[in-house]
Structure formats: structure tokens, C-alpha cells
N, C-alpha and C. Protein backbone atom coordinates (compact mmCIF):
# COMPACT_ATOMS: atom_id res chain seq x y z
N MET A 1 98.12 34.36 12.74
CA MET A 1 96.82 34.94 12.53
C MET A 1 96.89 36.44 12.69
N ARG A 2 96.01 37.10 11.98
CA ARG A 2 95.90 38.56 12.11
C ARG A 2 94.48 38.91 12.51
N PHE A 3 94.37 39.90 13.36
CA PHE A 3 93.07 40.36 13.82
C PHE A 3 93.03 41.87 13.75
N GLU A 4 91.88 42.39 13.36
CA GLU A 4 91.67 43.83 13.44
C GLU A 4 91.34 44.15 14.89
N VAL A 5 91.96 45.20 15.40
CA VAL A 5 91.81 45.55 16.81
C VAL A 5 91.38 47.01 16.93
N ASP A 6 90.41 47.26 17.79
CA ASP A 6 90.08 48.63 18.20
C ASP A 6 90.90 48.91 19.44
N LEU A 7 91.70 49.97 19.41
CA LEU A 7 92.51 50.37 20.55
C LEU A 7 92.15 51.81 20.89
N ILE A 8 91.58 52.00 22.06
CA ILE A 8 91.07 53.31 22.46
C ILE A 8 91.64 53.69 23.81
N GLN A 9 92.09 54.94 23.92
CA GLN A 9 92.54 55.42 25.23
C GLN A 9 91.33 55.97 25.97
N GLU A 10 91.08 55.43 27.14
CA GLU A 10 89.95 55.84 27.97
C GLU A 10 90.29 57.15 28.69
N GLU A 11 89.28 57.79 29.27
CA GLU A 11 89.48 59.06 29.96
C GLU A 11 90.49 58.97 31.10
N GLY A 12 90.53 57.86 31.81
CA GLY A 12 91.46 57.70 32.93
C GLY A 12 92.88 57.40 32.51
N GLY A 13 93.12 57.29 31.20
CA GLY A 13 94.46 57.02 30.70
C GLY A 13 94.72 55.58 30.33
N LEU A 14 93.83 54.66 30.73
CA LEU A 14 93.99 53.26 30.36
C LEU A 14 93.66 53.06 28.89
N TYR A 15 94.20 52.00 28.32
CA TYR A 15 93.92 51.64 26.93
C TYR A 15 93.01 50.42 26.90
N ARG A 16 91.97 50.49 26.09
CA ARG A 16 91.04 49.37 25.91
C ARG A 16 91.27 48.80 24.52
N ALA A 17 91.53 47.49 24.46
CA ALA A 17 91.74 46.80 23.19
C ALA A 17 90.64 45.76 23.02
N THR A 18 90.02 45.75 21.84
CA THR A 18 88.94 44.82 21.53
C THR A 18 89.22 44.19 20.18
N ALA A 19 89.07 42.87 20.10
CA ALA A 19 89.18 42.17 18.82
C ALA A 19 87.88 42.41 18.06
N VAL A 20 87.96 43.07 16.90
CA VAL A 20 86.76 43.47 16.16
C VAL A 20 85.88 42.27 15.83
N ALA A 21 86.47 41.17 15.39
CA ALA A 21 85.70 39.98 15.02
C ALA A 21 85.14 39.24 16.23
N TYR A 22 85.68 39.52 17.41
CA TYR A 22 85.26 38.86 18.65
C TYR A 22 85.03 39.94 19.71
N PRO A 23 83.94 40.69 19.60
CA PRO A 23 83.74 41.85 20.47
C PRO A 23 83.62 41.53 21.96
N THR A 24 83.41 40.28 22.30
CA THR A 24 83.38 39.93 23.73
C THR A 24 84.78 39.80 24.30
N VAL A 25 85.79 39.79 23.43
CA VAL A 25 87.18 39.70 23.89
C VAL A 25 87.73 41.12 23.97
N THR A 26 87.71 41.67 25.18
CA THR A 26 88.12 43.05 25.44
C THR A 26 88.97 43.08 26.69
N VAL A 27 90.04 43.85 26.65
CA VAL A 27 90.94 43.98 27.81
C VAL A 27 91.32 45.45 27.98
N THR A 28 91.88 45.77 29.14
CA THR A 28 92.43 47.10 29.37
C THR A 28 93.85 46.96 29.89
N GLY A 29 94.68 47.94 29.56
CA GLY A 29 96.06 47.95 30.01
C GLY A 29 96.51 49.38 30.26
N ARG A 30 97.63 49.52 30.97
CA ARG A 30 98.16 50.85 31.28
C ARG A 30 98.79 51.52 30.07
N THR A 31 99.29 50.69 29.12
CA THR A 31 99.91 51.22 27.90
C THR A 31 99.30 50.49 26.70
N GLU A 32 99.54 51.04 25.50
CA GLU A 32 99.07 50.36 24.29
C GLU A 32 99.68 48.96 24.20
N LYS A 33 100.98 48.89 24.46
CA LYS A 33 101.68 47.60 24.36
C LYS A 33 101.11 46.59 25.35
N GLU A 34 100.86 47.01 26.57
CA GLU A 34 100.30 46.09 27.57
C GLU A 34 98.90 45.63 27.15
N ALA A 35 98.07 46.55 26.67
CA ALA A 35 96.72 46.18 26.25
C ALA A 35 96.76 45.18 25.10
N LEU A 36 97.64 45.40 24.14
CA LEU A 36 97.73 44.47 23.01
C LEU A 36 98.24 43.10 23.46
N GLY A 37 99.20 43.07 24.36
CA GLY A 37 99.70 41.80 24.90
C GLY A 37 98.62 41.05 25.65
N LEU A 38 97.85 41.78 26.45
CA LEU A 38 96.75 41.15 27.19
C LEU A 38 95.67 40.64 26.23
N LEU A 39 95.46 41.35 25.13
CA LEU A 39 94.47 40.91 24.16
C LEU A 39 94.90 39.61 23.50
N ILE A 40 96.17 39.47 23.19
CA ILE A 40 96.68 38.22 22.62
C ILE A 40 96.42 37.07 23.59
N ASP A 41 96.70 37.28 24.87
CA ASP A 41 96.44 36.24 25.88
C ASP A 41 94.96 35.92 25.97
N ALA A 42 94.11 36.95 25.93
CA ALA A 42 92.67 36.74 26.03
C ALA A 42 92.14 35.98 24.82
N LEU A 43 92.65 36.28 23.63
CA LEU A 43 92.23 35.55 22.43
C LEU A 43 92.66 34.10 22.51
N ASP A 44 93.85 33.85 23.02
CA ASP A 44 94.33 32.47 23.19
C ASP A 44 93.39 31.70 24.11
N ARG A 45 93.03 32.29 25.25
CA ARG A 45 92.09 31.63 26.17
C ARG A 45 90.73 31.43 25.52
N HIS A 46 90.29 32.42 24.76
CA HIS A 46 88.99 32.33 24.08
C HIS A 46 88.97 31.14 23.12
N PHE A 47 90.00 31.02 22.28
CA PHE A 47 90.03 29.94 21.30
C PHE A 47 90.21 28.57 21.95
N LYS A 48 90.98 28.49 23.02
CA LYS A 48 91.12 27.22 23.73
C LYS A 48 89.79 26.81 24.35
N GLY A 49 89.04 27.77 24.87
CA GLY A 49 87.72 27.47 25.43
C GLY A 49 86.75 27.01 24.36
N GLU A 50 86.80 27.63 23.18
CA GLU A 50 85.93 27.22 22.07
C GLU A 50 86.29 25.82 21.60
N ALA A 51 87.59 25.50 21.57
CA ALA A 51 88.02 24.16 21.14
C ALA A 51 87.51 23.10 22.11
N ARG A 52 87.57 23.40 23.42
CA ARG A 52 87.06 22.45 24.41
C ARG A 52 85.56 22.25 24.26
N LYS A 53 84.83 23.31 23.99
CA LYS A 53 83.38 23.20 23.80
C LYS A 53 83.05 22.31 22.61
N SER A 54 83.78 22.47 21.51
CA SER A 54 83.48 21.67 20.32
C SER A 54 83.86 20.21 20.53
N GLN A 55 84.88 19.93 21.35
CA GLN A 55 85.27 18.54 21.63
C GLN A 55 84.22 17.85 22.48
N THR A 56 83.61 18.56 23.40
CA THR A 56 82.61 17.93 24.27
C THR A 56 81.30 17.70 23.53
N ARG A 57 81.07 18.40 22.44
CA ARG A 57 79.86 18.21 21.64
C ARG A 57 79.96 16.99 20.75
N SER A 58 81.18 16.54 20.45
CA SER A 58 81.38 15.41 19.53
C SER A 58 80.98 14.09 20.15
């Protein structure tokens, strides 16, 4: 899968990464690479949580 990502360096030097299509999925990291890695993990948790929600509705 591919996602468009906003990657912004904050004033304190941290990097904030947000999945554009899923704006509630936002992370911060000390480097660009760390922020992007954390975002991948956060998206994985987000989708697993959504899958569990849809299974309980069935």
C-alpha cells in the first residue's frame, strides 16, 4: 500500500508525520526515518483496530 504523508519538522526539532487520508494517525519522531517508521506501525494498529470493529458488527 502507498499513502501520502505530511512530514513536518517542528520547532523543537522533532518530526511529525501524518497519513493524509487518515488525519487522526499522527506520530512524532526524532528523525524523519523514525517518524515514518512509527507512522507505519501506527497505521498497522489503526487498520487492525478497524478490522476488529467490523468483525464485531457482523
